[in-house]
N, C-alpha and C. Protein backbone atom coordinates (compact mmCIF):
# COMPACT_ATOMS: atom_id res chain seq x y z
N UNK A 1 0.28 -72.88 17.00
CA UNK A 1 0.01 -71.63 16.34
C UNK A 1 1.33 -70.89 16.16
N UNK A 2 1.41 -70.11 15.09
CA UNK A 2 2.60 -69.32 14.84
C UNK A 2 2.20 -68.00 14.21
N UNK A 3 3.13 -67.05 14.19
CA UNK A 3 2.84 -65.74 13.62
C UNK A 3 2.47 -65.87 12.15
N UNK A 4 1.51 -65.09 11.72
CA UNK A 4 1.07 -65.08 10.33
C UNK A 4 1.95 -64.09 9.55
N UNK A 5 3.19 -64.52 9.25
CA UNK A 5 4.11 -63.70 8.46
C UNK A 5 4.70 -64.57 7.36
N UNK A 6 5.15 -63.93 6.30
CA UNK A 6 5.71 -64.66 5.16
C UNK A 6 6.98 -65.40 5.56
N UNK A 7 7.22 -66.55 4.92
CA UNK A 7 8.43 -67.32 5.18
C UNK A 7 9.66 -66.47 4.90
N UNK A 8 10.65 -66.58 5.76
CA UNK A 8 11.89 -65.84 5.58
C UNK A 8 11.87 -64.44 6.14
N UNK A 9 10.76 -64.02 6.71
CA UNK A 9 10.68 -62.69 7.31
C UNK A 9 10.66 -62.82 8.83
N UNK A 10 10.75 -61.71 9.51
CA UNK A 10 10.77 -61.72 10.97
C UNK A 10 10.05 -60.49 11.50
N UNK A 11 9.64 -60.57 12.74
CA UNK A 11 9.04 -59.44 13.45
C UNK A 11 9.84 -59.24 14.72
N UNK A 12 10.26 -58.02 14.97
CA UNK A 12 11.07 -57.74 16.16
C UNK A 12 10.17 -57.24 17.29
N UNK A 13 10.38 -57.80 18.47
CA UNK A 13 9.66 -57.38 19.67
C UNK A 13 10.69 -56.85 20.65
N UNK A 14 10.58 -55.60 21.02
CA UNK A 14 11.49 -55.01 22.00
C UNK A 14 11.05 -55.43 23.40
N UNK A 15 11.97 -55.52 24.34
CA UNK A 15 11.61 -55.89 25.71
C UNK A 15 10.53 -54.96 26.27
N UNK A 16 9.49 -55.56 26.83
CA UNK A 16 8.41 -54.80 27.42
C UNK A 16 7.35 -54.33 26.44
N UNK A 17 7.61 -54.50 25.16
CA UNK A 17 6.66 -54.05 24.13
C UNK A 17 5.49 -55.03 24.05
N UNK A 18 4.30 -54.49 23.91
CA UNK A 18 3.11 -55.32 23.73
C UNK A 18 2.48 -54.95 22.40
N UNK A 19 2.06 -55.97 21.66
CA UNK A 19 1.37 -55.70 20.40
C UNK A 19 0.48 -56.88 20.06
N UNK A 20 -0.60 -56.60 19.37
CA UNK A 20 -1.51 -57.64 18.92
C UNK A 20 -0.92 -58.28 17.67
N UNK A 21 -1.01 -59.61 17.58
CA UNK A 21 -0.50 -60.34 16.43
C UNK A 21 -1.56 -61.31 15.95
N UNK A 22 -1.45 -61.70 14.69
CA UNK A 22 -2.34 -62.71 14.12
C UNK A 22 -1.62 -64.04 14.14
N UNK A 23 -2.29 -65.07 14.64
CA UNK A 23 -1.71 -66.41 14.70
C UNK A 23 -2.46 -67.33 13.75
N UNK A 24 -1.73 -68.29 13.17
CA UNK A 24 -2.34 -69.29 12.30
C UNK A 24 -1.85 -70.67 12.74
N UNK A 25 -2.64 -71.69 12.42
CA UNK A 25 -2.28 -73.06 12.79
C UNK A 25 -1.13 -73.57 11.93
N UNK A 26 -0.33 -74.48 12.48
CA UNK A 26 0.72 -75.13 11.71
C UNK A 26 0.08 -76.04 10.68
N UNK A 27 0.68 -76.14 9.51
CA UNK A 27 0.16 -77.00 8.45
C UNK A 27 0.65 -78.43 8.59
N UNK A 28 0.35 -79.23 7.60
CA UNK A 28 0.80 -80.63 7.59
C UNK A 28 0.11 -81.45 8.65
N UNK A 29 0.86 -82.31 9.31
CA UNK A 29 0.29 -83.19 10.33
C UNK A 29 0.02 -82.48 11.64
N UNK A 30 0.54 -81.26 11.79
CA UNK A 30 0.33 -80.52 13.02
C UNK A 30 1.24 -80.95 14.15
N UNK A 31 2.25 -81.75 13.83
CA UNK A 31 3.20 -82.18 14.87
C UNK A 31 4.32 -81.16 14.96
N UNK A 32 4.52 -80.61 16.15
CA UNK A 32 5.51 -79.56 16.36
C UNK A 32 6.34 -79.94 17.58
N UNK A 33 7.65 -79.83 17.44
CA UNK A 33 8.56 -80.15 18.54
C UNK A 33 9.46 -78.94 18.79
N UNK A 34 9.69 -78.64 20.04
CA UNK A 34 10.57 -77.52 20.38
C UNK A 34 9.78 -76.36 20.94
N UNK A 35 10.03 -75.17 20.38
CA UNK A 35 9.33 -73.96 20.83
C UNK A 35 9.44 -73.82 22.35
N UNK A 36 10.66 -73.83 22.85
CA UNK A 36 10.92 -73.76 24.29
C UNK A 36 10.27 -74.92 25.04
N UNK A 37 10.16 -76.06 24.36
CA UNK A 37 9.53 -77.28 24.89
C UNK A 37 8.06 -77.09 25.24
N UNK A 38 7.43 -76.10 24.62
CA UNK A 38 6.01 -75.89 24.86
C UNK A 38 5.18 -76.94 24.15
N UNK A 39 5.58 -77.30 22.95
CA UNK A 39 4.84 -78.31 22.20
C UNK A 39 5.74 -79.50 21.96
N UNK A 40 5.25 -80.66 22.30
CA UNK A 40 6.03 -81.88 22.15
C UNK A 40 5.18 -82.91 21.41
N UNK A 41 4.79 -82.60 20.19
CA UNK A 41 4.00 -83.54 19.40
C UNK A 41 2.88 -82.84 18.68
N UNK A 42 1.73 -83.48 18.67
CA UNK A 42 0.62 -82.95 17.87
C UNK A 42 0.00 -81.71 18.50
N UNK A 43 -0.37 -80.79 17.63
CA UNK A 43 -1.01 -79.55 18.09
C UNK A 43 -2.35 -79.34 17.41
N UNK A 44 -2.76 -80.29 16.57
CA UNK A 44 -3.98 -80.12 15.78
C UNK A 44 -5.25 -80.45 16.57
N UNK A 45 -5.12 -81.02 17.75
CA UNK A 45 -6.29 -81.37 18.55
C UNK A 45 -6.41 -80.44 19.75
N UNK A 46 -7.57 -80.41 20.33
CA UNK A 46 -7.79 -79.57 21.51
C UNK A 46 -6.91 -80.03 22.67
N UNK A 47 -6.71 -81.35 22.81
CA UNK A 47 -5.87 -81.87 23.90
C UNK A 47 -4.43 -81.40 23.75
N UNK A 48 -3.89 -81.47 22.54
CA UNK A 48 -2.52 -81.03 22.30
C UNK A 48 -2.36 -79.55 22.55
N UNK A 49 -3.33 -78.76 22.11
CA UNK A 49 -3.30 -77.31 22.33
C UNK A 49 -3.41 -76.99 23.82
N UNK A 50 -4.30 -77.69 24.52
CA UNK A 50 -4.46 -77.46 25.96
C UNK A 50 -3.18 -77.77 26.72
N UNK A 51 -2.51 -78.87 26.34
CA UNK A 51 -1.24 -79.23 27.00
C UNK A 51 -0.19 -78.15 26.79
N UNK A 52 -0.07 -77.65 25.56
CA UNK A 52 0.92 -76.62 25.26
C UNK A 52 0.63 -75.33 26.03
N UNK A 53 -0.64 -74.95 26.10
CA UNK A 53 -1.00 -73.73 26.84
C UNK A 53 -0.75 -73.90 28.33
N UNK A 54 -1.01 -75.09 28.87
CA UNK A 54 -0.75 -75.34 30.29
C UNK A 54 0.74 -75.22 30.58
N UNK A 55 1.59 -75.77 29.70
CA UNK A 55 3.04 -75.65 29.89
C UNK A 55 3.47 -74.19 29.82
N UNK A 56 2.87 -73.42 28.92
CA UNK A 56 3.21 -72.00 28.81
C UNK A 56 2.88 -71.26 30.11
N UNK A 57 1.73 -71.56 30.69
CA UNK A 57 1.36 -70.93 31.96
C UNK A 57 2.31 -71.34 33.08
N UNK A 58 2.65 -72.63 33.14
CA UNK A 58 3.56 -73.11 34.19
C UNK A 58 4.93 -72.46 34.08
N UNK A 59 5.36 -72.18 32.86
CA UNK A 59 6.69 -71.59 32.65
C UNK A 59 6.67 -70.06 32.71
N UNK A 60 5.50 -69.48 32.95
CA UNK A 60 5.41 -68.04 33.14
C UNK A 60 5.35 -67.21 31.87
N UNK A 61 4.95 -67.82 30.73
CA UNK A 61 4.81 -67.05 29.51
C UNK A 61 3.61 -66.13 29.64
N UNK A 62 3.84 -64.86 29.41
CA UNK A 62 2.81 -63.85 29.57
C UNK A 62 1.70 -64.05 28.54
N UNK A 63 0.45 -63.94 28.95
CA UNK A 63 -0.67 -64.03 28.04
C UNK A 63 -1.12 -65.45 27.73
N UNK A 64 -0.50 -66.44 28.36
CA UNK A 64 -0.86 -67.83 28.07
C UNK A 64 -2.12 -68.22 28.81
């Protein structure tokens, strides 16, 4: 999942700031690599999403 913003734009988050955002699924094959090593392959299935969320929790990402 990624922020639902137009290509080439950005959203700034100040330290400690909380805000609701809209997320959308990655297009194409759904294979994503990187993102702080949270996703290492496919994200289009429930198993891939569950793995990425588990890594986010283990690494202390807030709200995961």
